[in-house]
Amino acid sequence: MISNADDEQKTSKYTNEFEGLYVGTAESEHVEMYLKAIWHIRERGEEPKVSSIAKLLNIKQPSVVEMLRKLDSAKLVEYKKGSIVELERQGEQIGKQMIRNTRLLEVLMKDALKIEIDEEMACGIEHHMKNVFTDALCTLLKHPRKCPHGFQIPKGKCCN
């Protein structure tokens, strides 16, 4: 027979493991979406400004400013009021990785699985892909250089 203390310990252990898997996930996904948006705006040859980020993400400008301040404090971007946003080295890497993940997933859906591209699904998955998975997916797809939308897919270590 298991005592209540044993039950509580198992429940507590499970709860801590469960919470440990998801604590910070929503916040990190939010950060990744901003960095991806900034990366994409630059890729299009535009200047990443509060207004362009807000428009792309369909978020109000004051919310964008608040997040840019957080990203600046975390040294992921360089942001000063009224200026364009610059990605710092780590922010650049994260944004590029999110773009790479998304575009490889789009190729997977369209070319390998022969299904319609589901942007919402790709966006949900992209945040949980580890580099080993992304590189394996890229290799499986024979290192595609463009996504179905015609954008370049950033190269990974597996492409060299």
C-alpha atoms as a PDB file:
ATOM      1  CA  MET A   1       0.000   0.000   0.000  1.00  0.00           C
ATOM      2  CA  ILE A   2       1.252   3.464  -0.891  1.00  0.00           C
ATOM      3  CA  SER A   3       0.967   6.128   1.768  1.00  0.00           C
ATOM      4  CA  ASN A   4      -0.326   9.630   1.145  1.00  0.00           C
ATOM      5  CA  ALA A   5       3.218  10.903   1.516  1.00  0.00           C
ATOM      6  CA  ASP A   6       4.311   8.601  -1.328  1.00  0.00           C
ATOM      7  CA  ASP A   7       1.379   9.799  -3.465  1.00  0.00           C
ATOM      8  CA  GLU A   8       2.242  13.420  -2.762  1.00  0.00           C
ATOM      9  CA  GLN A   9       5.893  12.814  -3.572  1.00  0.00           C
ATOM     10  CA  LYS A  10       5.017  11.150  -6.904  1.00  0.00           C
ATOM     11  CA  THR A  11       2.486  13.860  -7.748  1.00  0.00           C
ATOM     12  CA  SER A  12       4.932  16.567  -6.761  1.00  0.00           C
ATOM     13  CA  LYS A  13       7.685  14.916  -8.792  1.00  0.00           C
ATOM     14  CA  TYR A  14       5.407  14.644 -11.832  1.00  0.00           C
ATOM     15  CA  THR A  15       4.184  18.213 -11.440  1.00  0.00           C
ATOM     16  CA  ASN A  16       7.728  19.566 -11.192  1.00  0.00           C
ATOM     17  CA  GLU A  17       8.823  17.596 -14.254  1.00  0.00           C
ATOM     18  CA  PHE A  18       5.761  18.727 -16.179  1.00  0.00           C
ATOM     19  CA  GLU A  19       6.222  22.360 -15.206  1.00  0.00           C
ATOM     20  CA  GLY A  20       9.930  22.138 -15.918  1.00  0.00           C
ATOM     21  CA  LEU A  21       9.181  21.154 -19.484  1.00  0.00           C
ATOM     22  CA  TYR A  22       6.962  24.127 -20.110  1.00  0.00           C
ATOM     23  CA  VAL A  23       8.090  26.941 -17.841  1.00  0.00           C
ATOM     24  CA  GLY A  24       9.156  29.838 -20.004  1.00  0.00           C
ATOM     25  CA  THR A  25       8.084  28.181 -23.249  1.00  0.00           C
ATOM     26  CA  ALA A  26       5.424  30.761 -24.108  1.00  0.00           C
ATOM     27  CA  GLU A  27       7.788  33.634 -23.337  1.00  0.00           C
ATOM     28  CA  SER A  28      10.648  32.120 -25.341  1.00  0.00           C
ATOM     29  CA  GLU A  29       8.328  31.510 -28.311  1.00  0.00           C
ATOM     30  CA  HIS A  30       7.218  35.127 -28.100  1.00  0.00           C
ATOM     31  CA  VAL A  31      10.847  36.286 -28.116  1.00  0.00           C
ATOM     32  CA  GLU A  32      11.644  33.986 -31.044  1.00  0.00           C
ATOM     33  CA  MET A  33       8.730  35.376 -33.066  1.00  0.00           C
ATOM     34  CA  TYR A  34      10.020  38.939 -32.624  1.00  0.00           C
ATOM     35  CA  LEU A  35      13.557  37.945 -33.623  1.00  0.00           C
ATOM     36  CA  LYS A  36      12.222  36.003 -36.609  1.00  0.00           C
ATOM     37  CA  ALA A  37      10.138  39.009 -37.672  1.00  0.00           C
ATOM     38  CA  ILE A  38      13.108  41.372 -37.433  1.00  0.00           C
ATOM     39  CA  TRP A  39      15.260  38.911 -39.401  1.00  0.00           C
ATOM     40  CA  HIS A  40      12.565  38.587 -42.085  1.00  0.00           C
ATOM     41  CA  ILE A  41      12.043  42.366 -42.386  1.00  0.00           C
ATOM     42  CA  ARG A  42      15.787  42.824 -42.922  1.00  0.00           C
ATOM     43  CA  GLU A  43      15.810  39.973 -45.422  1.00  0.00           C
ATOM     44  CA  ARG A  44      13.210  41.867 -47.485  1.00  0.00           C
ATOM     45  CA  GLY A  45      15.588  44.829 -47.589  1.00  0.00           C
ATOM     46  CA  GLU A  46      13.501  46.945 -45.233  1.00  0.00           C
ATOM     47  CA  GLU A  47      14.482  48.656 -42.020  1.00  0.00           C
ATOM     48  CA  PRO A  48      13.164  46.912 -38.911  1.00  0.00           C
ATOM     49  CA  LYS A  49      11.258  49.645 -37.107  1.00  0.00           C
ATOM     50  CA  VAL A  50       8.557  49.456 -34.460  1.00  0.00           C
ATOM     51  CA  SER A  51       5.885  50.094 -37.093  1.00  0.00           C
ATOM     52  CA  SER A  52       7.095  47.371 -39.489  1.00  0.00           C
ATOM     53  CA  ILE A  53       7.420  44.811 -36.676  1.00  0.00           C
ATOM     54  CA  ALA A  54       3.957  45.704 -35.371  1.00  0.00           C
ATOM     55  CA  LYS A  55       2.458  45.365 -38.835  1.00  0.00           C
ATOM     56  CA  LEU A  56       4.111  42.010 -39.568  1.00  0.00           C
ATOM     57  CA  LEU A  57       3.153  40.498 -36.210  1.00  0.00           C
ATOM     58  CA  ASN A  58      -0.245  42.247 -36.090  1.00  0.00           C
ATOM     59  CA  ILE A  59       0.550  43.694 -32.670  1.00  0.00           C
ATOM     60  CA  LYS A  60       0.055  47.242 -31.382  1.00  0.00           C
ATOM     61  CA  GLN A  61       3.140  49.450 -31.405  1.00  0.00           C
ATOM     62  CA  PRO A  62       3.285  50.033 -27.616  1.00  0.00           C
ATOM     63  CA  SER A  63       3.479  46.247 -27.118  1.00  0.00           C
ATOM     64  CA  VAL A  64       6.303  46.063 -29.652  1.00  0.00           C
ATOM     65  CA  VAL A  65       8.198  48.823 -27.843  1.00  0.00           C
ATOM     66  CA  GLU A  66       7.778  46.983 -24.531  1.00  0.00           C
ATOM     67  CA  MET A  67       9.143  43.751 -26.015  1.00  0.00           C
ATOM     68  CA  LEU A  68      12.015  45.535 -27.777  1.00  0.00           C
ATOM     69  CA  ARG A  69      13.072  46.991 -24.435  1.00  0.00           C
ATOM     70  CA  LYS A  70      13.127  43.477 -22.965  1.00  0.00           C
ATOM     71  CA  LEU A  71      15.078  42.157 -25.950  1.00  0.00           C
ATOM     72  CA  ASP A  72      17.509  45.070 -25.647  1.00  0.00           C
ATOM     73  CA  SER A  73      18.023  44.325 -21.932  1.00  0.00           C
ATOM     74  CA  ALA A  74      18.658  40.674 -22.826  1.00  0.00           C
ATOM     75  CA  LYS A  75      21.220  41.827 -25.422  1.00  0.00           C
ATOM     76  CA  LEU A  76      19.295  40.149 -28.272  1.00  0.00           C
ATOM     77  CA  VAL A  77      18.653  43.440 -30.084  1.00  0.00           C
ATOM     78  CA  GLU A  78      19.889  46.983 -29.976  1.00  0.00           C
ATOM     79  CA  TYR A  79      16.926  49.309 -29.653  1.00  0.00           C
ATOM     80  CA  LYS A  80      16.750  53.009 -29.005  1.00  0.00           C
ATOM     81  CA  LYS A  81      13.510  54.985 -29.248  1.00  0.00           C
ATOM     82  CA  GLY A  82      12.926  56.249 -32.779  1.00  0.00           C
ATOM     83  CA  SER A  83      15.672  54.158 -34.367  1.00  0.00           C
ATOM     84  CA  ILE A  84      15.773  51.021 -36.437  1.00  0.00           C
ATOM     85  CA  VAL A  85      16.207  47.779 -34.540  1.00  0.00           C
ATOM     86  CA  GLU A  86      19.503  45.953 -34.894  1.00  0.00           C
ATOM     87  CA  LEU A  87      19.908  42.277 -34.079  1.00  0.00           C
ATOM     88  CA  GLU A  88      22.760  41.427 -31.729  1.00  0.00           C
ATOM     89  CA  ARG A  89      24.769  38.275 -32.490  1.00  0.00           C
ATOM     90  CA  GLN A  90      22.628  35.913 -30.410  1.00  0.00           C
ATOM     91  CA  GLY A  91      19.395  37.534 -31.635  1.00  0.00           C
ATOM     92  CA  GLU A  92      20.606  37.122 -35.217  1.00  0.00           C
ATOM     93  CA  GLN A  93      21.282  33.429 -34.635  1.00  0.00           C
ATOM     94  CA  ILE A  94      17.877  32.803 -33.067  1.00  0.00           C
ATOM     95  CA  GLY A  95      15.999  34.695 -35.791  1.00  0.00           C
ATOM     96  CA  LYS A  96      17.910  32.871 -38.520  1.00  0.00           C
ATOM     97  CA  GLN A  97      17.250  29.495 -36.881  1.00  0.00           C
ATOM     98  CA  MET A  98      13.509  30.180 -36.629  1.00  0.00           C
ATOM     99  CA  ILE A  99      13.409  31.176 -40.315  1.00  0.00           C
ATOM    100  CA  ARG A 100      15.370  28.041 -41.240  1.00  0.00           C
ATOM    101  CA  ASN A 101      13.087  25.803 -39.187  1.00  0.00           C
ATOM    102  CA  THR A 102       9.929  27.273 -40.702  1.00  0.00           C
ATOM    103  CA  ARG A 103      11.128  27.070 -44.282  1.00  0.00           C
ATOM    104  CA  LEU A 104      12.351  23.500 -43.952  1.00  0.00           C
ATOM    105  CA  LEU A 105       8.985  22.532 -42.470  1.00  0.00           C
ATOM    106  CA  GLU A 106       7.258  24.179 -45.436  1.00  0.00           C
ATOM    107  CA  VAL A 107       9.404  22.152 -47.855  1.00  0.00           C
ATOM    108  CA  LEU A 108       8.620  19.017 -45.861  1.00  0.00           C
ATOM    109  CA  MET A 109       4.883  19.642 -46.086  1.00  0.00           C
ATOM    110  CA  LYS A 110       4.738  20.623 -49.743  1.00  0.00           C
ATOM    111  CA  ASP A 111       7.400  18.463 -51.398  1.00  0.00           C
ATOM    112  CA  ALA A 112       7.861  15.410 -49.171  1.00  0.00           C
ATOM    113  CA  LEU A 113       4.457  14.950 -47.565  1.00  0.00           C
ATOM    114  CA  LYS A 114       2.504  16.429 -50.508  1.00  0.00           C
ATOM    115  CA  ILE A 115       0.133  18.300 -48.222  1.00  0.00           C
ATOM    116  CA  GLU A 116      -0.932  21.919 -48.177  1.00  0.00           C
ATOM    117  CA  ILE A 117       1.422  24.118 -46.194  1.00  0.00           C
ATOM    118  CA  ASP A 118      -0.067  24.785 -42.774  1.00  0.00           C
ATOM    119  CA  GLU A 119       1.634  27.967 -41.557  1.00  0.00           C
ATOM    120  CA  GLU A 120       0.053  27.754 -38.109  1.00  0.00           C
ATOM    121  CA  MET A 121       1.358  24.228 -37.617  1.00  0.00           C
ATOM    122  CA  ALA A 122       4.820  25.130 -38.912  1.00  0.00           C
ATOM    123  CA  CYS A 123       4.914  28.110 -36.567  1.00  0.00           C
ATOM    124  CA  GLY A 124       3.970  25.891 -33.638  1.00  0.00           C
ATOM    125  CA  ILE A 125       6.591  23.267 -34.417  1.00  0.00           C
ATOM    126  CA  GLU A 126       9.485  25.583 -35.328  1.00  0.00           C
ATOM    127  CA  HIS A 127      10.016  26.649 -31.714  1.00  0.00           C
ATOM    128  CA  HIS A 128      10.585  23.090 -30.515  1.00  0.00           C
ATOM    129  CA  MET A 129      13.094  21.934 -33.120  1.00  0.00           C
ATOM    130  CA  LYS A 130      16.610  21.248 -31.892  1.00  0.00           C
ATOM    131  CA  ASN A 131      19.540  21.788 -34.245  1.00  0.00           C
ATOM    132  CA  VAL A 132      20.133  18.048 -34.593  1.00  0.00           C
ATOM    133  CA  PHE A 133      16.538  17.626 -35.784  1.00  0.00           C
ATOM    134  CA  THR A 134      16.720  20.607 -38.142  1.00  0.00           C
ATOM    135  CA  ASP A 135      19.963  19.345 -39.677  1.00  0.00           C
ATOM    136  CA  ALA A 136      18.529  15.833 -40.053  1.00  0.00           C
ATOM    137  CA  LEU A 137      15.415  17.272 -41.715  1.00  0.00           C
ATOM    138  CA  CYS A 138      17.548  19.396 -44.029  1.00  0.00           C
ATOM    139  CA  THR A 139      19.632  16.343 -44.977  1.00  0.00           C
ATOM    140  CA  LEU A 140      16.508  14.247 -45.533  1.00  0.00           C
ATOM    141  CA  LEU A 141      15.157  16.951 -47.861  1.00  0.00           C
ATOM    142  CA  LYS A 142      18.531  17.086 -49.701  1.00  0.00           C
ATOM    143  CA  HIS A 143      19.479  20.562 -48.444  1.00  0.00           C
ATOM    144  CA  PRO A 144      16.870  22.683 -50.245  1.00  0.00           C
ATOM    145  CA  ARG A 145      17.978  26.258 -50.920  1.00  0.00           C
ATOM    146  CA  LYS A 146      14.519  27.833 -51.285  1.00  0.00           C
ATOM    147  CA  CYS A 147      11.198  27.392 -49.537  1.00  0.00           C
ATOM    148  CA  PRO A 148       7.940  27.004 -51.496  1.00  0.00           C
ATOM    149  CA  HIS A 149       7.416  30.787 -51.210  1.00  0.00           C
ATOM    150  CA  GLY A 150      10.716  31.419 -53.006  1.00  0.00           C
ATOM    151  CA  PHE A 151      12.708  32.653 -50.016  1.00  0.00           C
ATOM    152  CA  GLN A 152      16.241  31.448 -49.311  1.00  0.00           C
ATOM    153  CA  ILE A 153      16.646  28.818 -46.599  1.00  0.00           C
ATOM    154  CA  PRO A 154      19.580  29.725 -44.378  1.00  0.00           C
ATOM    155  CA  LYS A 155      22.279  27.070 -44.465  1.00  0.00           C
ATOM    156  CA  GLY A 156      23.099  24.965 -41.437  1.00  0.00           C
ATOM    157  CA  LYS A 157      26.215  23.045 -40.490  1.00  0.00           C
ATOM    158  CA  CYS A 158      24.886  20.057 -42.430  1.00  0.00           C
ATOM    159  CA  CYS A 159      24.939  22.063 -45.679  1.00  0.00           C
ATOM    160  CA  ASN A 160      28.690  22.714 -45.727  1.00  0.00           C
END
